[in-house]
Amino acid sequence: MLSDRRLRMYELFGAYFNQDFDLSGNTIPEIVACYKRDAPREYRQELINEIDSFMNEHPGDLDSAFERDYNSGFYPKLWGHTIASFLAELKRLLIE
């Protein structure tokens, strides 16, 4: 899962959206709020840029690329999201 190119995504999925996600919150907005409290403000824009880059780089294989690169025990489909809608929701919450 280690990524030199997308360090902020690696941090978010490795530390907040993993099998122990409930330590950060019980909903996606709560988990993102925890990340926003913990991470320096400039990391938010870096993370948004990384999400955009990842989505643009994998338009036809987003699900498999996400699973390959960020499989951390958190499965957006179990929360009613596709990978695309989950990443869009993350961006929306990061911007707020």
PDB file of N, CA and C in Angstrom:
ATOM      1  N   MET A   1       0.813  -1.197   0.000  1.00  0.00           N
ATOM      2  CA  MET A   1       0.000   0.000   0.000  1.00  0.00           C
ATOM      3  C   MET A   1       0.855   1.259   0.000  1.00  0.00           C
ATOM      4  N   LEU A   2       2.108   1.183   0.319  1.00  0.00           N
ATOM      5  CA  LEU A   2       2.975   2.353   0.373  1.00  0.00           C
ATOM      6  C   LEU A   2       3.052   3.028  -0.985  1.00  0.00           C
ATOM      7  N   SER A   3       2.893   4.327  -0.991  1.00  0.00           N
ATOM      8  CA  SER A   3       2.927   5.090  -2.227  1.00  0.00           C
ATOM      9  C   SER A   3       3.745   6.346  -2.023  1.00  0.00           C
ATOM     10  N   ASP A   4       4.802   6.482  -2.790  1.00  0.00           N
ATOM     11  CA  ASP A   4       5.578   7.716  -2.754  1.00  0.00           C
ATOM     12  C   ASP A   4       4.856   8.831  -3.488  1.00  0.00           C
ATOM     13  N   ARG A   5       4.051   8.464  -4.460  1.00  0.00           N
ATOM     14  CA  ARG A   5       3.363   9.465  -5.283  1.00  0.00           C
ATOM     15  C   ARG A   5       2.162  10.072  -4.589  1.00  0.00           C
ATOM     16  N   ARG A   6       1.497   9.325  -3.776  1.00  0.00           N
ATOM     17  CA  ARG A   6       0.266   9.810  -3.136  1.00  0.00           C
ATOM     18  C   ARG A   6       0.346   9.579  -1.633  1.00  0.00           C
ATOM     19  N   LEU A   7       1.255  10.283  -1.019  1.00  0.00           N
ATOM     20  CA  LEU A   7       1.514  10.114   0.406  1.00  0.00           C
ATOM     21  C   LEU A   7       0.294  10.439   1.260  1.00  0.00           C
ATOM     22  N   ARG A   8      -0.444  11.477   0.909  1.00  0.00           N
ATOM     23  CA  ARG A   8      -1.615  11.865   1.726  1.00  0.00           C
ATOM     24  C   ARG A   8      -2.710  10.799   1.652  1.00  0.00           C
ATOM     25  N   MET A   9      -2.923  10.223   0.493  1.00  0.00           N
ATOM     26  CA  MET A   9      -3.911   9.147   0.390  1.00  0.00           C
ATOM     27  C   MET A   9      -3.461   7.950   1.206  1.00  0.00           C
ATOM     28  N   TYR A  10      -2.196   7.626   1.122  1.00  0.00           N
ATOM     29  CA  TYR A  10      -1.655   6.518   1.911  1.00  0.00           C
ATOM     30  C   TYR A  10      -1.887   6.770   3.397  1.00  0.00           C
ATOM     31  N   GLU A  11      -1.615   7.979   3.852  1.00  0.00           N
ATOM     32  CA  GLU A  11      -1.817   8.319   5.268  1.00  0.00           C
ATOM     33  C   GLU A  11      -3.287   8.199   5.659  1.00  0.00           C
ATOM     34  N   LEU A  12      -4.167   8.761   4.844  1.00  0.00           N
ATOM     35  CA  LEU A  12      -5.596   8.744   5.165  1.00  0.00           C
ATOM     36  C   LEU A  12      -6.134   7.318   5.243  1.00  0.00           C
ATOM     37  N   PHE A  13      -5.835   6.513   4.239  1.00  0.00           N
ATOM     38  CA  PHE A  13      -6.389   5.159   4.224  1.00  0.00           C
ATOM     39  C   PHE A  13      -5.680   4.232   5.195  1.00  0.00           C
ATOM     40  N   GLY A  14      -4.403   4.466   5.417  1.00  0.00           N
ATOM     41  CA  GLY A  14      -3.659   3.619   6.341  1.00  0.00           C
ATOM     42  C   GLY A  14      -3.950   3.912   7.799  1.00  0.00           C
ATOM     43  N   ALA A  15      -4.227   5.174   8.115  1.00  0.00           N
ATOM     44  CA  ALA A  15      -4.405   5.554   9.511  1.00  0.00           C
ATOM     45  C   ALA A  15      -5.859   5.801   9.923  1.00  0.00           C
ATOM     46  N   TYR A  16      -6.715   6.165   8.991  1.00  0.00           N
ATOM     47  CA  TYR A  16      -8.095   6.532   9.348  1.00  0.00           C
ATOM     48  C   TYR A  16      -9.139   5.588   8.760  1.00  0.00           C
ATOM     49  N   PHE A  17      -8.979   5.220   7.502  1.00  0.00           N
ATOM     50  CA  PHE A  17      -9.931   4.319   6.850  1.00  0.00           C
ATOM     51  C   PHE A  17      -9.305   2.936   6.748  1.00  0.00           C
ATOM     52  N   ASN A  18      -9.172   2.286   7.876  1.00  0.00           N
ATOM     53  CA  ASN A  18      -8.618   0.938   7.930  1.00  0.00           C
ATOM     54  C   ASN A  18      -9.574   0.074   8.748  1.00  0.00           C
ATOM     55  N   GLN A  19      -9.167  -1.137   9.098  1.00  0.00           N
ATOM     56  CA  GLN A  19     -10.079  -2.021   9.831  1.00  0.00           C
ATOM     57  C   GLN A  19     -10.435  -1.465  11.213  1.00  0.00           C
ATOM     58  N   ASP A  20      -9.656  -0.524  11.723  1.00  0.00           N
ATOM     59  CA  ASP A  20      -9.951   0.104  13.019  1.00  0.00           C
ATOM     60  C   ASP A  20     -10.528   1.506  12.851  1.00  0.00           C
ATOM     61  N   PHE A  21     -11.225   1.744  11.731  1.00  0.00           N
ATOM     62  CA  PHE A  21     -11.756   3.071  11.429  1.00  0.00           C
ATOM     63  C   PHE A  21     -12.592   3.648  12.561  1.00  0.00           C
ATOM     64  N   ASP A  22     -13.248   2.770  13.336  1.00  0.00           N
ATOM     65  CA  ASP A  22     -14.153   3.253  14.375  1.00  0.00           C
ATOM     66  C   ASP A  22     -13.421   4.002  15.489  1.00  0.00           C
ATOM     67  N   LEU A  23     -12.111   3.924  15.532  1.00  0.00           N
ATOM     68  CA  LEU A  23     -11.347   4.721  16.494  1.00  0.00           C
ATOM     69  C   LEU A  23     -11.361   6.200  16.105  1.00  0.00           C
ATOM     70  N   SER A  24     -11.634   6.466  14.820  1.00  0.00           N
ATOM     71  CA  SER A  24     -11.681   7.838  14.319  1.00  0.00           C
ATOM     72  C   SER A  24     -13.096   8.357  14.163  1.00  0.00           C
ATOM     73  N   GLY A  25     -14.078   7.471  14.149  1.00  0.00           N
ATOM     74  CA  GLY A  25     -15.465   7.877  13.993  1.00  0.00           C
ATOM     75  C   GLY A  25     -16.309   6.729  13.495  1.00  0.00           C
ATOM     76  N   ASN A  26     -17.616   6.937  13.506  1.00  0.00           N
ATOM     77  CA  ASN A  26     -18.543   5.890  13.076  1.00  0.00           C
ATOM     78  C   ASN A  26     -19.177   6.165  11.721  1.00  0.00           C
ATOM     79  N   THR A  27     -18.901   7.329  11.166  1.00  0.00           N
ATOM     80  CA  THR A  27     -19.412   7.678   9.846  1.00  0.00           C
ATOM     81  C   THR A  27     -18.261   8.267   9.033  1.00  0.00           C
ATOM     82  N   ILE A  28     -18.446   8.316   7.747  1.00  0.00           N
ATOM     83  CA  ILE A  28     -17.411   8.907   6.895  1.00  0.00           C
ATOM     84  C   ILE A  28     -17.171  10.367   7.276  1.00  0.00           C
ATOM     85  N   PRO A  29     -18.221  11.187   7.476  1.00  0.00           N
ATOM     86  CA  PRO A  29     -17.959  12.569   7.899  1.00  0.00           C
ATOM     87  C   PRO A  29     -17.202  12.661   9.229  1.00  0.00           C
ATOM     88  N   GLU A  30     -17.501  11.787  10.176  1.00  0.00           N
ATOM     89  CA  GLU A  30     -16.784  11.813  11.453  1.00  0.00           C
ATOM     90  C   GLU A  30     -15.314  11.452  11.274  1.00  0.00           C
ATOM     91  N   ILE A  31     -15.035  10.473  10.435  1.00  0.00           N
ATOM     92  CA  ILE A  31     -13.653  10.049  10.197  1.00  0.00           C
ATOM     93  C   ILE A  31     -12.876  11.164   9.503  1.00  0.00           C
ATOM     94  N   VAL A  32     -13.500  11.797   8.514  1.00  0.00           N
ATOM     95  CA  VAL A  32     -12.830  12.906   7.823  1.00  0.00           C
ATOM     96  C   VAL A  32     -12.625  14.080   8.780  1.00  0.00           C
ATOM     97  N   ALA A  33     -13.582  14.343   9.640  1.00  0.00           N
ATOM     98  CA  ALA A  33     -13.426  15.425  10.623  1.00  0.00           C
ATOM     99  C   ALA A  33     -12.247  15.142  11.555  1.00  0.00           C
ATOM    100  N   CYS A  34     -12.068  13.901  11.948  1.00  0.00           N
ATOM    101  CA  CYS A  34     -10.937  13.512  12.783  1.00  0.00           C
ATOM    102  C   CYS A  34      -9.632  13.761  12.033  1.00  0.00           C
ATOM    103  N   TYR A  35      -9.575  13.361  10.776  1.00  0.00           N
ATOM    104  CA  TYR A  35      -8.388  13.607   9.952  1.00  0.00           C
ATOM    105  C   TYR A  35      -8.109  15.105   9.873  1.00  0.00           C
ATOM    106  N   LYS A  36      -9.145  15.899   9.640  1.00  0.00           N
ATOM    107  CA  LYS A  36      -8.963  17.341   9.501  1.00  0.00           C
ATOM    108  C   LYS A  36      -8.451  17.974  10.803  1.00  0.00           C
ATOM    109  N   ARG A  37      -8.852  17.441  11.930  1.00  0.00           N
ATOM    110  CA  ARG A  37      -8.340  17.939  13.218  1.00  0.00           C
ATOM    111  C   ARG A  37      -6.865  17.577  13.405  1.00  0.00           C
ATOM    112  N   ASP A  38      -6.485  16.408  12.940  1.00  0.00           N
ATOM    113  CA  ASP A  38      -5.130  15.895  13.163  1.00  0.00           C
ATOM    114  C   ASP A  38      -4.100  16.405  12.161  1.00  0.00           C
ATOM    115  N   ALA A  39      -4.483  16.545  10.913  1.00  0.00           N
ATOM    116  CA  ALA A  39      -3.532  16.835   9.838  1.00  0.00           C
ATOM    117  C   ALA A  39      -3.362  18.343   9.649  1.00  0.00           C
ATOM    118  N   PRO A  40      -2.167  18.763   9.267  1.00  0.00           N
ATOM    119  CA  PRO A  40      -1.973  20.178   8.934  1.00  0.00           C
ATOM    120  C   PRO A  40      -2.907  20.607   7.802  1.00  0.00           C
ATOM    121  N   ARG A  41      -3.354  21.827   7.849  1.00  0.00           N
ATOM    122  CA  ARG A  41      -4.329  22.351   6.887  1.00  0.00           C
ATOM    123  C   ARG A  41      -3.886  22.150   5.427  1.00  0.00           C
ATOM    124  N   GLU A  42      -2.603  22.338   5.142  1.00  0.00           N
ATOM    125  CA  GLU A  42      -2.134  22.230   3.756  1.00  0.00           C
ATOM    126  C   GLU A  42      -2.253  20.802   3.217  1.00  0.00           C
ATOM    127  N   TYR A  43      -2.343  19.821   4.100  1.00  0.00           N
ATOM    128  CA  TYR A  43      -2.491  18.439   3.663  1.00  0.00           C
ATOM    129  C   TYR A  43      -3.836  18.217   2.962  1.00  0.00           C
ATOM    130  N   ARG A  44      -4.847  18.996   3.340  1.00  0.00           N
ATOM    131  CA  ARG A  44      -6.170  18.824   2.730  1.00  0.00           C
ATOM    132  C   ARG A  44      -6.111  19.028   1.223  1.00  0.00           C
ATOM    133  N   GLN A  45      -5.484  20.148   0.789  1.00  0.00           N
ATOM    134  CA  GLN A  45      -5.408  20.404  -0.644  1.00  0.00           C
ATOM    135  C   GLN A  45      -4.535  19.385  -1.332  1.00  0.00           C
ATOM    136  N   GLU A  46      -3.459  18.968  -0.681  1.00  0.00           N
ATOM    137  CA  GLU A  46      -2.613  17.912  -1.255  1.00  0.00           C
ATOM    138  C   GLU A  46      -3.425  16.636  -1.447  1.00  0.00           C
ATOM    139  N   LEU A  47      -4.239  16.299  -0.466  1.00  0.00           N
ATOM    140  CA  LEU A  47      -5.068  15.100  -0.552  1.00  0.00           C
ATOM    141  C   LEU A  47      -6.105  15.222  -1.666  1.00  0.00           C
ATOM    142  N   ILE A  48      -6.735  16.366  -1.782  1.00  0.00           N
ATOM    143  CA  ILE A  48      -7.700  16.596  -2.865  1.00  0.00           C
ATOM    144  C   ILE A  48      -7.016  16.433  -4.218  1.00  0.00           C
ATOM    145  N   ASN A  49      -5.821  16.998  -4.350  1.00  0.00           N
ATOM    146  CA  ASN A  49      -5.080  16.882  -5.608  1.00  0.00           C
ATOM    147  C   ASN A  49      -4.727  15.427  -5.907  1.00  0.00           C
ATOM    148  N   GLU A  50      -4.348  14.686  -4.882  1.00  0.00           N
ATOM    149  CA  GLU A  50      -4.021  13.268  -5.070  1.00  0.00           C
ATOM    150  C   GLU A  50      -5.246  12.460  -5.480  1.00  0.00           C
ATOM    151  N   ILE A  51      -6.387  12.741  -4.876  1.00  0.00           N
ATOM    152  CA  ILE A  51      -7.624  12.043  -5.243  1.00  0.00           C
ATOM    153  C   ILE A  51      -7.953  12.324  -6.708  1.00  0.00           C
ATOM    154  N   ASP A  52      -7.862  13.601  -7.119  1.00  0.00           N
ATOM    155  CA  ASP A  52      -8.127  13.958  -8.519  1.00  0.00           C
ATOM    156  C   ASP A  52      -7.169  13.229  -9.451  1.00  0.00           C
ATOM    157  N   SER A  53      -5.902  13.229  -9.096  1.00  0.00           N
ATOM    158  CA  SER A  53      -4.889  12.557  -9.912  1.00  0.00           C
ATOM    159  C   SER A  53      -5.175  11.066 -10.024  1.00  0.00           C
ATOM    160  N   PHE A  54      -5.504  10.444  -8.913  1.00  0.00           N
ATOM    161  CA  PHE A  54      -5.802   9.011  -8.900  1.00  0.00           C
ATOM    162  C   PHE A  54      -7.009   8.706  -9.779  1.00  0.00           C
ATOM    163  N   MET A  55      -8.063   9.489  -9.649  1.00  0.00           N
ATOM    164  CA  MET A  55      -9.270   9.254 -10.441  1.00  0.00           C
ATOM    165  C   MET A  55      -9.006   9.477 -11.934  1.00  0.00           C
ATOM    166  N   ASN A  56      -8.221  10.493 -12.264  1.00  0.00           N
ATOM    167  CA  ASN A  56      -7.901  10.766 -13.666  1.00  0.00           C
ATOM    168  C   ASN A  56      -7.002   9.686 -14.255  1.00  0.00           C
ATOM    169  N   GLU A  57      -6.145   9.129 -13.449  1.00  0.00           N
ATOM    170  CA  GLU A  57      -5.216   8.103 -13.914  1.00  0.00           C
ATOM    171  C   GLU A  57      -5.894   6.740 -14.101  1.00  0.00           C
ATOM    172  N   HIS A  58      -7.020   6.530 -13.442  1.00  0.00           N
ATOM    173  CA  HIS A  58      -7.685   5.217 -13.478  1.00  0.00           C
ATOM    174  C   HIS A  58      -9.169   5.316 -13.855  1.00  0.00           C
ATOM    175  N   PRO A  59      -9.478   5.942 -14.992  1.00  0.00           N
ATOM    176  CA  PRO A  59     -10.897   6.096 -15.331  1.00  0.00           C
ATOM    177  C   PRO A  59     -11.597   4.773 -15.628  1.00  0.00           C
ATOM    178  N   GLY A  60     -10.871   3.788 -16.126  1.00  0.00           N
ATOM    179  CA  GLY A  60     -11.493   2.512 -16.480  1.00  0.00           C
ATOM    180  C   GLY A  60     -11.269   1.397 -15.488  1.00  0.00           C
ATOM    181  N   ASP A  61     -10.408   1.631 -14.513  1.00  0.00           N
ATOM    182  CA  ASP A  61     -10.106   0.568 -13.545  1.00  0.00           C
ATOM    183  C   ASP A  61     -10.014   1.111 -12.120  1.00  0.00           C
ATOM    184  N   LEU A  62     -10.862   2.067 -11.803  1.00  0.00           N
ATOM    185  CA  LEU A  62     -10.796   2.745 -10.508  1.00  0.00           C
ATOM    186  C   LEU A  62     -10.951   1.768  -9.345  1.00  0.00           C
ATOM    187  N   ASP A  63     -11.923   0.868  -9.420  1.00  0.00           N
ATOM    188  CA  ASP A  63     -12.150  -0.067  -8.320  1.00  0.00           C
ATOM    189  C   ASP A  63     -10.945  -0.967  -8.079  1.00  0.00           C
ATOM    190  N   SER A  64     -10.420  -1.557  -9.140  1.00  0.00           N
ATOM    191  CA  SER A  64      -9.287  -2.464  -8.952  1.00  0.00           C
ATOM    192  C   SER A  64      -8.027  -1.715  -8.540  1.00  0.00           C
ATOM    193  N   ALA A  65      -7.822  -0.513  -9.062  1.00  0.00           N
ATOM    194  CA  ALA A  65      -6.650   0.280  -8.672  1.00  0.00           C
ATOM    195  C   ALA A  65      -6.741   0.691  -7.209  1.00  0.00           C
ATOM    196  N   PHE A  66      -7.933   1.067  -6.759  1.00  0.00           N
ATOM    197  CA  PHE A  66      -8.113   1.451  -5.363  1.00  0.00           C
ATOM    198  C   PHE A  66      -7.860   0.256  -4.448  1.00  0.00           C
ATOM    199  N   GLU A  67      -8.406  -0.879  -4.808  1.00  0.00           N
ATOM    200  CA  GLU A  67      -8.203  -2.073  -3.989  1.00  0.00           C
ATOM    201  C   GLU A  67      -6.722  -2.462  -3.943  1.00  0.00           C
ATOM    202  N   ARG A  68      -6.067  -2.395  -5.073  1.00  0.00           N
ATOM    203  CA  ARG A  68      -4.648  -2.736  -5.143  1.00  0.00           C
ATOM    204  C   ARG A  68      -3.791  -1.773  -4.307  1.00  0.00           C
ATOM    205  N   ASP A  69      -4.064  -0.467  -4.435  1.00  0.00           N
ATOM    206  CA  ASP A  69      -3.197   0.536  -3.810  1.00  0.00           C
ATOM    207  C   ASP A  69      -3.589   0.892  -2.374  1.00  0.00           C
ATOM    208  N   TYR A  70      -4.873   0.789  -2.038  1.00  0.00           N
ATOM    209  CA  TYR A  70      -5.329   1.302  -0.737  1.00  0.00           C
ATOM    210  C   TYR A  70      -6.214   0.331   0.024  1.00  0.00           C
ATOM    211  N   ASN A  71      -6.098  -0.953  -0.250  1.00  0.00           N
ATOM    212  CA  ASN A  71      -6.880  -1.929   0.478  1.00  0.00           C
ATOM    213  C   ASN A  71      -6.409  -1.966   1.925  1.00  0.00           C
ATOM    214  N   SER A  72      -7.178  -1.344   2.797  1.00  0.00           N
ATOM    215  CA  SER A  72      -6.764  -1.193   4.192  1.00  0.00           C
ATOM    216  C   SER A  72      -7.772  -1.793   5.161  1.00  0.00           C
ATOM    217  N   GLY A  73      -8.705  -2.567   4.639  1.00  0.00           N
ATOM    218  CA  GLY A  73      -9.721  -3.141   5.514  1.00  0.00           C
ATOM    219  C   GLY A  73     -10.985  -2.305   5.607  1.00  0.00           C
ATOM    220  N   PHE A  74     -11.031  -1.192   4.899  1.00  0.00           N
ATOM    221  CA  PHE A  74     -12.221  -0.349   4.837  1.00  0.00           C
ATOM    222  C   PHE A  74     -12.802  -0.498   3.435  1.00  0.00           C
ATOM    223  N   TYR A  75     -14.067  -0.889   3.355  1.00  0.00           N
ATOM    224  CA  TYR A  75     -14.682  -1.163   2.069  1.00  0.00           C
ATOM    225  C   TYR A  75     -15.855  -0.209   1.833  1.00  0.00           C
ATOM    226  N   PRO A  76     -15.649   0.819   1.000  1.00  0.00           N
ATOM    227  CA  PRO A  76     -16.709   1.810   0.755  1.00  0.00           C
ATOM    228  C   PRO A  76     -18.031   1.207   0.305  1.00  0.00           C
ATOM    229  N   LYS A  77     -17.991   0.073  -0.397  1.00  0.00           N
ATOM    230  CA  LYS A  77     -19.232  -0.541  -0.866  1.00  0.00           C
ATOM    231  C   LYS A  77     -20.117  -0.970   0.304  1.00  0.00           C
ATOM    232  N   LEU A  78     -19.517  -1.340   1.413  1.00  0.00           N
ATOM    233  CA  LEU A  78     -20.301  -1.705   2.590  1.00  0.00           C
ATOM    234  C   LEU A  78     -20.987  -0.487   3.212  1.00  0.00           C
ATOM    235  N   TRP A  79     -20.545   0.701   2.847  1.00  0.00           N
ATOM    236  CA  TRP A  79     -21.117   1.947   3.345  1.00  0.00           C
ATOM    237  C   TRP A  79     -22.040   2.583   2.313  1.00  0.00           C
ATOM    238  N   GLY A  80     -22.370   1.822   1.269  1.00  0.00           N
ATOM    239  CA  GLY A  80     -23.294   2.321   0.253  1.00  0.00           C
ATOM    240  C   GLY A  80     -22.643   3.186  -0.808  1.00  0.00           C
ATOM    241  N   HIS A  81     -21.327   3.085  -0.975  1.00  0.00           N
ATOM    242  CA  HIS A  81     -20.603   3.903  -1.945  1.00  0.00           C
ATOM    243  C   HIS A  81     -19.895   3.035  -2.969  1.00  0.00           C
ATOM    244  N   THR A  82     -19.817   3.543  -4.181  1.00  0.00           N
ATOM    245  CA  THR A  82     -18.847   3.024  -5.132  1.00  0.00           C
ATOM    246  C   THR A  82     -17.519   3.685  -4.780  1.00  0.00           C
ATOM    247  N   ILE A  83     -16.446   3.239  -5.367  1.00  0.00           N
ATOM    248  CA  ILE A  83     -15.163   3.892  -5.119  1.00  0.00           C
ATOM    249  C   ILE A  83     -15.233   5.340  -5.596  1.00  0.00           C
ATOM    250  N   ALA A  84     -15.823   5.562  -6.750  1.00  0.00           N
ATOM    251  CA  ALA A  84     -15.931   6.923  -7.290  1.00  0.00           C
ATOM    252  C   ALA A  84     -16.752   7.824  -6.373  1.00  0.00           C
ATOM    253  N   SER A  85     -17.878   7.327  -5.889  1.00  0.00           N
ATOM    254  CA  SER A  85     -18.711   8.179  -5.024  1.00  0.00           C
ATOM    255  C   SER A  85     -18.056   8.397  -3.658  1.00  0.00           C
ATOM    256  N   PHE A  86     -17.324   7.407  -3.179  1.00  0.00           N
ATOM    257  CA  PHE A  86     -16.594   7.550  -1.918  1.00  0.00           C
ATOM    258  C   PHE A  86     -15.509   8.618  -2.042  1.00  0.00           C
ATOM    259  N   LEU A  87     -14.731   8.568  -3.123  1.00  0.00           N
ATOM    260  CA  LEU A  87     -13.681   9.563  -3.313  1.00  0.00           C
ATOM    261  C   LEU A  87     -14.277  10.962  -3.506  1.00  0.00           C
ATOM    262  N   ALA A  88     -15.403  11.046  -4.199  1.00  0.00           N
ATOM    263  CA  ALA A  88     -16.086  12.337  -4.364  1.00  0.00           C
ATOM    264  C   ALA A  88     -16.573  12.866  -3.018  1.00  0.00           C
ATOM    265  N   GLU A  89     -17.095  11.991  -2.179  1.00  0.00           N
ATOM    266  CA  GLU A  89     -17.550  12.394  -0.847  1.00  0.00           C
ATOM    267  C   GLU A  89     -16.366  12.857   0.001  1.00  0.00           C
ATOM    268  N   LEU A  90     -15.248  12.163  -0.082  1.00  0.00           N
ATOM    269  CA  LEU A  90     -14.047  12.595   0.652  1.00  0.00           C
ATOM    270  C   LEU A  90     -13.654  14.013   0.230  1.00  0.00           C
ATOM    271  N   LYS A  91     -13.618  14.250  -1.061  1.00  0.00           N
ATOM    272  CA  LYS A  91     -13.255  15.585  -1.551  1.00  0.00           C
ATOM    273  C   LYS A  91     -14.225  16.637  -1.026  1.00  0.00           C
ATOM    274  N   ARG A  92     -15.507  16.348  -1.080  1.00  0.00           N
ATOM    275  CA  ARG A  92     -16.514  17.310  -0.609  1.00  0.00           C
ATOM    276  C   ARG A  92     -16.285  17.634   0.870  1.00  0.00           C
ATOM    277  N   LEU A  93     -16.064  16.618   1.670  1.00  0.00           N
ATOM    278  CA  LEU A  93     -15.854  16.819   3.099  1.00  0.00           C
ATOM    279  C   LEU A  93     -14.548  17.544   3.400  1.00  0.00           C
ATOM    280  N   LEU A  94     -13.527  17.301   2.608  1.00  0.00           N
ATOM    281  CA  LEU A  94     -12.256  17.984   2.799  1.00  0.00           C
ATOM    282  C   LEU A  94     -12.346  19.457   2.471  1.00  0.00           C
ATOM    283  N   ILE A  95     -13.189  19.797   1.505  1.00  0.00           N
ATOM    284  CA  ILE A  95     -13.356  21.184   1.092  1.00  0.00           C
ATOM    285  C   ILE A  95     -14.151  21.985   2.121  1.00  0.00           C
ATOM    286  N   GLU A  96     -15.078  21.347   2.793  1.00  0.00           N
ATOM    287  CA  GLU A  96     -15.936  22.053   3.768  1.00  0.00           C
ATOM    288  C   GLU A  96     -15.127  22.714   4.858  1.00  0.00           C
TER     289      GLU A  96
END
